[in-house]
Structure formats: structure tokens, C-alpha cells
């Protein structure tokens, strides 16, 4: 199992756009056979920050996710174009 969090910050005026993009990429990502969990959040008290929790069956599933048309459209072509900063934390599965 491979898990990670992605934290991104956006401008306040992009909030509605970001929310719509997150709804689309979430819907598509959850349909991927190797996706275990894909859960986006706005941070309470900081509506300009998004945290996405992602889990995949294995490295091949992560690579598949990053090669999908919806990742290109909604992550690279959407979120990445609007984000002010991005941090990724890879998590080690314990049990």
C-alpha cells in the first residue's frame, strides 16, 4: 500500500474553481482499479489550503494514476496551474 498527502495553497478567488476541479479528479480517480482512497479536504480555518489523502494498491497503481487523462486535465492542467505552493508527504503503512 502506498499512501501520501498532498497539500496545496491557492488564491481566495480561485476557491470555487478549485472545488469543482477537485470534485472531477476525485470522481475519476476513485474509478481507477488501483486506487484505494482519494479524499480531498479544505482545511478548517484556511479555505485557501487543500489537503488530499491518497492511497494506492502499489507503485504501479500510482504510476497509472499519474498517466491518466483526468490527471493531465485536472491536476496538471487545473490544480497545478493555480497553486501557489505544494507539499507532498509519503506515508509508510504500518499494519
N, C-alpha and C. Protein backbone atom coordinates (compact mmCIF):
# COMPACT_ATOMS: atom_id res chain seq x y z
N UNK A 1 0.84 -1.17 0.00
CA UNK A 1 0.00 0.00 0.00
C UNK A 1 0.89 1.24 0.00
N UNK A 2 0.56 2.18 -0.86
CA UNK A 2 1.27 3.46 -0.91
C UNK A 2 0.27 4.56 -0.59
N UNK A 3 0.62 5.38 0.39
CA UNK A 3 -0.25 6.47 0.81
C UNK A 3 0.54 7.76 0.84
N UNK A 4 -0.14 8.86 0.57
CA UNK A 4 0.50 10.16 0.72
C UNK A 4 -0.54 11.25 0.86
N UNK A 5 -0.07 12.39 1.35
CA UNK A 5 -0.90 13.58 1.40
C UNK A 5 -0.28 14.62 0.48
N UNK A 6 -1.15 15.38 -0.14
CA UNK A 6 -0.72 16.50 -0.97
C UNK A 6 -1.39 17.74 -0.40
N UNK A 7 -0.60 18.73 -0.05
CA UNK A 7 -1.10 19.99 0.49
C UNK A 7 -0.79 21.09 -0.52
N UNK A 8 -1.83 21.82 -0.90
CA UNK A 8 -1.68 22.90 -1.88
C UNK A 8 -2.38 24.15 -1.37
N UNK A 9 -1.81 25.28 -1.70
CA UNK A 9 -2.39 26.57 -1.33
C UNK A 9 -2.76 27.32 -2.60
N UNK A 10 -3.92 28.01 -2.55
CA UNK A 10 -4.46 28.72 -3.70
C UNK A 10 -4.90 30.12 -3.30
N UNK A 11 -5.13 30.96 -4.27
CA UNK A 11 -5.68 32.30 -4.02
C UNK A 11 -7.16 32.18 -3.65
N UNK A 12 -7.66 33.06 -2.79
CA UNK A 12 -9.07 33.01 -2.39
C UNK A 12 -10.03 33.07 -3.57
N UNK A 13 -9.71 33.85 -4.59
CA UNK A 13 -10.62 33.99 -5.73
C UNK A 13 -10.71 32.72 -6.58
N UNK A 14 -9.83 31.76 -6.35
CA UNK A 14 -9.85 30.51 -7.11
C UNK A 14 -10.61 29.39 -6.39
N UNK A 15 -11.17 29.68 -5.22
CA UNK A 15 -11.80 28.65 -4.38
C UNK A 15 -12.85 27.83 -5.13
N UNK A 16 -13.80 28.46 -5.77
CA UNK A 16 -14.88 27.72 -6.45
C UNK A 16 -14.33 26.88 -7.60
N UNK A 17 -13.40 27.43 -8.34
CA UNK A 17 -12.76 26.69 -9.43
C UNK A 17 -12.05 25.44 -8.88
N UNK A 18 -11.28 25.62 -7.82
CA UNK A 18 -10.53 24.51 -7.21
C UNK A 18 -11.49 23.45 -6.71
N UNK A 19 -12.56 23.87 -6.07
CA UNK A 19 -13.55 22.90 -5.57
C UNK A 19 -14.13 22.07 -6.72
N UNK A 20 -14.46 22.70 -7.81
CA UNK A 20 -15.00 21.97 -8.97
C UNK A 20 -13.98 21.01 -9.57
N UNK A 21 -12.74 21.45 -9.69
CA UNK A 21 -11.68 20.58 -10.22
C UNK A 21 -11.48 19.38 -9.29
N UNK A 22 -11.48 19.61 -7.99
CA UNK A 22 -11.31 18.52 -7.03
C UNK A 22 -12.45 17.51 -7.12
N UNK A 23 -13.66 17.98 -7.31
CA UNK A 23 -14.80 17.06 -7.47
C UNK A 23 -14.60 16.16 -8.70
N UNK A 24 -14.11 16.73 -9.79
CA UNK A 24 -13.91 15.96 -11.01
C UNK A 24 -12.77 14.96 -10.89
N UNK A 25 -11.62 15.41 -10.39
CA UNK A 25 -10.48 14.48 -10.29
C UNK A 25 -10.76 13.39 -9.26
N UNK A 26 -11.51 13.72 -8.21
CA UNK A 26 -11.86 12.72 -7.20
C UNK A 26 -12.76 11.65 -7.81
N UNK A 27 -13.79 12.08 -8.52
CA UNK A 27 -14.72 11.13 -9.15
C UNK A 27 -13.97 10.18 -10.08
N UNK A 28 -13.11 10.72 -10.92
CA UNK A 28 -12.36 9.89 -11.87
C UNK A 28 -11.32 9.01 -11.19
N UNK A 29 -10.62 9.55 -10.22
CA UNK A 29 -9.55 8.79 -9.54
C UNK A 29 -10.11 7.60 -8.79
N UNK A 30 -11.26 7.77 -8.16
CA UNK A 30 -11.87 6.67 -7.40
C UNK A 30 -12.30 5.51 -8.29
N UNK A 31 -12.41 5.73 -9.59
CA UNK A 31 -12.76 4.67 -10.53
C UNK A 31 -11.56 3.84 -10.96
N UNK A 32 -10.36 4.32 -10.68
CA UNK A 32 -9.15 3.59 -11.07
C UNK A 32 -9.06 2.29 -10.26
N UNK A 33 -8.70 1.18 -10.92
CA UNK A 33 -8.67 -0.10 -10.22
C UNK A 33 -7.67 -0.16 -9.06
N UNK A 34 -6.57 0.57 -9.12
CA UNK A 34 -5.58 0.53 -8.05
C UNK A 34 -5.74 1.59 -6.98
N UNK A 35 -6.76 2.44 -7.12
CA UNK A 35 -6.99 3.50 -6.13
C UNK A 35 -7.79 2.93 -4.96
N UNK A 36 -7.22 3.00 -3.78
CA UNK A 36 -7.89 2.54 -2.56
C UNK A 36 -8.70 3.68 -1.96
N UNK A 37 -8.12 4.88 -1.96
CA UNK A 37 -8.78 6.03 -1.34
C UNK A 37 -8.26 7.31 -1.97
N UNK A 38 -9.17 8.25 -2.21
CA UNK A 38 -8.80 9.56 -2.74
C UNK A 38 -9.77 10.55 -2.09
N UNK A 39 -9.27 11.32 -1.11
CA UNK A 39 -10.16 12.16 -0.30
C UNK A 39 -9.59 13.57 -0.20
N UNK A 40 -10.20 14.53 -0.91
CA UNK A 40 -9.74 15.93 -0.82
C UNK A 40 -10.45 16.65 0.33
N UNK A 41 -9.73 17.60 0.92
CA UNK A 41 -10.27 18.39 2.03
C UNK A 41 -9.87 19.85 1.87
N UNK A 42 -10.75 20.76 2.25
CA UNK A 42 -10.34 22.12 2.53
C UNK A 42 -10.01 22.15 4.01
N UNK A 43 -8.97 22.88 4.39
CA UNK A 43 -8.54 22.95 5.78
C UNK A 43 -9.46 23.90 6.54
N UNK A 44 -10.02 23.43 7.66
CA UNK A 44 -10.85 24.29 8.51
C UNK A 44 -10.05 25.52 8.93
N UNK A 45 -10.64 26.68 8.77
CA UNK A 45 -9.98 27.92 9.16
C UNK A 45 -9.02 28.46 8.10
N UNK A 46 -8.84 27.72 7.01
CA UNK A 46 -7.96 28.17 5.93
C UNK A 46 -8.51 27.62 4.60
N UNK A 47 -9.55 28.25 4.11
CA UNK A 47 -10.24 27.78 2.91
C UNK A 47 -9.38 27.85 1.65
N UNK A 48 -8.19 28.43 1.76
CA UNK A 48 -7.28 28.52 0.61
C UNK A 48 -6.31 27.35 0.54
N UNK A 49 -6.39 26.45 1.51
CA UNK A 49 -5.49 25.30 1.55
C UNK A 49 -6.28 24.01 1.39
N UNK A 50 -5.78 23.16 0.52
CA UNK A 50 -6.38 21.86 0.25
C UNK A 50 -5.40 20.79 0.70
N UNK A 51 -5.93 19.72 1.31
CA UNK A 51 -5.14 18.53 1.61
C UNK A 51 -5.87 17.35 0.97
N UNK A 52 -5.13 16.60 0.17
CA UNK A 52 -5.69 15.40 -0.45
C UNK A 52 -4.99 14.19 0.15
N UNK A 53 -5.78 13.24 0.67
CA UNK A 53 -5.24 11.99 1.18
C UNK A 53 -5.47 10.94 0.10
N UNK A 54 -4.38 10.28 -0.32
CA UNK A 54 -4.46 9.30 -1.40
C UNK A 54 -3.83 7.98 -0.95
N UNK A 55 -4.47 6.88 -1.34
CA UNK A 55 -3.92 5.54 -1.11
C UNK A 55 -4.05 4.74 -2.39
N UNK A 56 -2.98 4.01 -2.72
CA UNK A 56 -2.96 3.17 -3.91
C UNK A 56 -2.46 1.78 -3.54
N UNK A 57 -2.90 0.80 -4.29
CA UNK A 57 -2.54 -0.59 -4.03
C UNK A 57 -1.03 -0.81 -4.08
N UNK A 58 -0.35 -0.18 -5.05
CA UNK A 58 1.10 -0.37 -5.21
C UNK A 58 1.65 0.74 -6.10
N UNK A 59 2.94 0.69 -6.36
CA UNK A 59 3.59 1.73 -7.17
C UNK A 59 3.03 1.76 -8.59
N UNK A 60 2.69 0.61 -9.12
CA UNK A 60 2.11 0.57 -10.47
C UNK A 60 0.79 1.34 -10.52
N UNK A 61 0.01 1.26 -9.46
CA UNK A 61 -1.26 1.99 -9.41
C UNK A 61 -1.02 3.50 -9.34
N UNK A 62 0.02 3.92 -8.61
CA UNK A 62 0.38 5.35 -8.56
C UNK A 62 0.80 5.82 -9.94
N UNK A 63 1.63 5.05 -10.61
CA UNK A 63 2.09 5.41 -11.95
C UNK A 63 0.91 5.47 -12.93
N UNK A 64 0.00 4.52 -12.79
CA UNK A 64 -1.19 4.53 -13.65
C UNK A 64 -2.00 5.81 -13.41
N UNK A 65 -2.21 6.17 -12.15
CA UNK A 65 -2.95 7.39 -11.80
C UNK A 65 -2.32 8.61 -12.46
N UNK A 66 -1.03 8.73 -12.37
CA UNK A 66 -0.33 9.90 -12.91
C UNK A 66 -0.29 9.92 -14.45
N UNK A 67 -0.63 8.80 -15.07
CA UNK A 67 -0.63 8.72 -16.53
C UNK A 67 -2.04 8.84 -17.14
N UNK A 68 -3.06 9.01 -16.30
CA UNK A 68 -4.43 9.06 -16.81
C UNK A 68 -4.74 10.42 -17.45
N UNK A 69 -5.68 10.42 -18.37
CA UNK A 69 -6.12 11.69 -18.96
C UNK A 69 -6.71 12.65 -17.93
N UNK A 70 -7.41 12.12 -16.93
CA UNK A 70 -8.00 13.02 -15.93
C UNK A 70 -6.93 13.65 -15.04
N UNK A 71 -5.82 12.97 -14.79
CA UNK A 71 -4.73 13.59 -14.04
C UNK A 71 -4.12 14.72 -14.86
N UNK A 72 -3.92 14.47 -16.15
CA UNK A 72 -3.38 15.52 -17.02
C UNK A 72 -4.31 16.72 -17.07
N UNK A 73 -5.60 16.46 -17.19
CA UNK A 73 -6.56 17.55 -17.31
C UNK A 73 -6.75 18.31 -16.00
N UNK A 74 -7.04 17.58 -14.92
CA UNK A 74 -7.45 18.24 -13.68
C UNK A 74 -6.30 18.56 -12.72
N UNK A 75 -5.26 17.75 -12.68
CA UNK A 75 -4.12 18.05 -11.81
C UNK A 75 -3.15 18.98 -12.53
N UNK A 76 -2.55 18.48 -13.61
CA UNK A 76 -1.53 19.26 -14.32
C UNK A 76 -2.15 20.50 -14.97
N UNK A 77 -3.27 20.32 -15.66
CA UNK A 77 -3.89 21.42 -16.38
C UNK A 77 -4.78 22.31 -15.53
N UNK A 78 -5.11 21.87 -14.32
CA UNK A 78 -6.01 22.64 -13.46
C UNK A 78 -5.35 23.08 -12.16
N UNK A 79 -5.23 22.15 -11.22
CA UNK A 79 -4.69 22.48 -9.90
C UNK A 79 -3.28 23.06 -9.97
N UNK A 80 -2.41 22.41 -10.73
CA UNK A 80 -1.01 22.85 -10.79
C UNK A 80 -0.87 24.26 -11.38
N UNK A 81 -1.81 24.63 -12.22
CA UNK A 81 -1.74 25.96 -12.84
C UNK A 81 -2.15 27.07 -11.88
N UNK A 82 -2.92 26.72 -10.86
CA UNK A 82 -3.44 27.72 -9.92
C UNK A 82 -2.73 27.71 -8.57
N UNK A 83 -2.02 26.64 -8.23
CA UNK A 83 -1.45 26.53 -6.88
C UNK A 83 -0.31 27.52 -6.67
N UNK A 84 -0.25 28.00 -5.45
CA UNK A 84 0.82 28.90 -5.04
C UNK A 84 1.99 28.11 -4.47
N UNK A 85 1.67 27.01 -3.81
CA UNK A 85 2.71 26.11 -3.28
C UNK A 85 2.12 24.72 -3.13
N UNK A 86 3.03 23.73 -3.05
CA UNK A 86 2.62 22.33 -2.97
C UNK A 86 3.63 21.57 -2.13
N UNK A 87 3.11 20.73 -1.24
CA UNK A 87 3.94 19.85 -0.43
C UNK A 87 3.37 18.44 -0.52
N UNK A 88 4.23 17.45 -0.63
CA UNK A 88 3.79 16.05 -0.67
C UNK A 88 4.48 15.32 0.47
N UNK A 89 3.71 14.55 1.21
CA UNK A 89 4.25 13.68 2.26
C UNK A 89 3.92 12.24 1.90
N UNK A 90 4.93 11.41 1.74
CA UNK A 90 4.72 9.99 1.51
C UNK A 90 4.65 9.31 2.87
N UNK A 91 3.64 8.47 3.05
CA UNK A 91 3.40 7.84 4.34
C UNK A 91 3.79 6.37 4.28
N UNK A 92 4.31 5.84 5.37
CA UNK A 92 4.68 4.43 5.46
C UNK A 92 3.57 3.67 6.17
N UNK A 93 3.02 2.70 5.49
CA UNK A 93 1.93 1.88 6.01
C UNK A 93 2.46 0.95 7.10
N UNK A 94 1.79 0.91 8.24
CA UNK A 94 2.28 0.12 9.37
C UNK A 94 1.65 -1.26 9.44
N UNK A 95 0.34 -1.33 9.37
CA UNK A 95 -0.32 -2.65 9.53
C UNK A 95 -1.33 -2.89 8.46
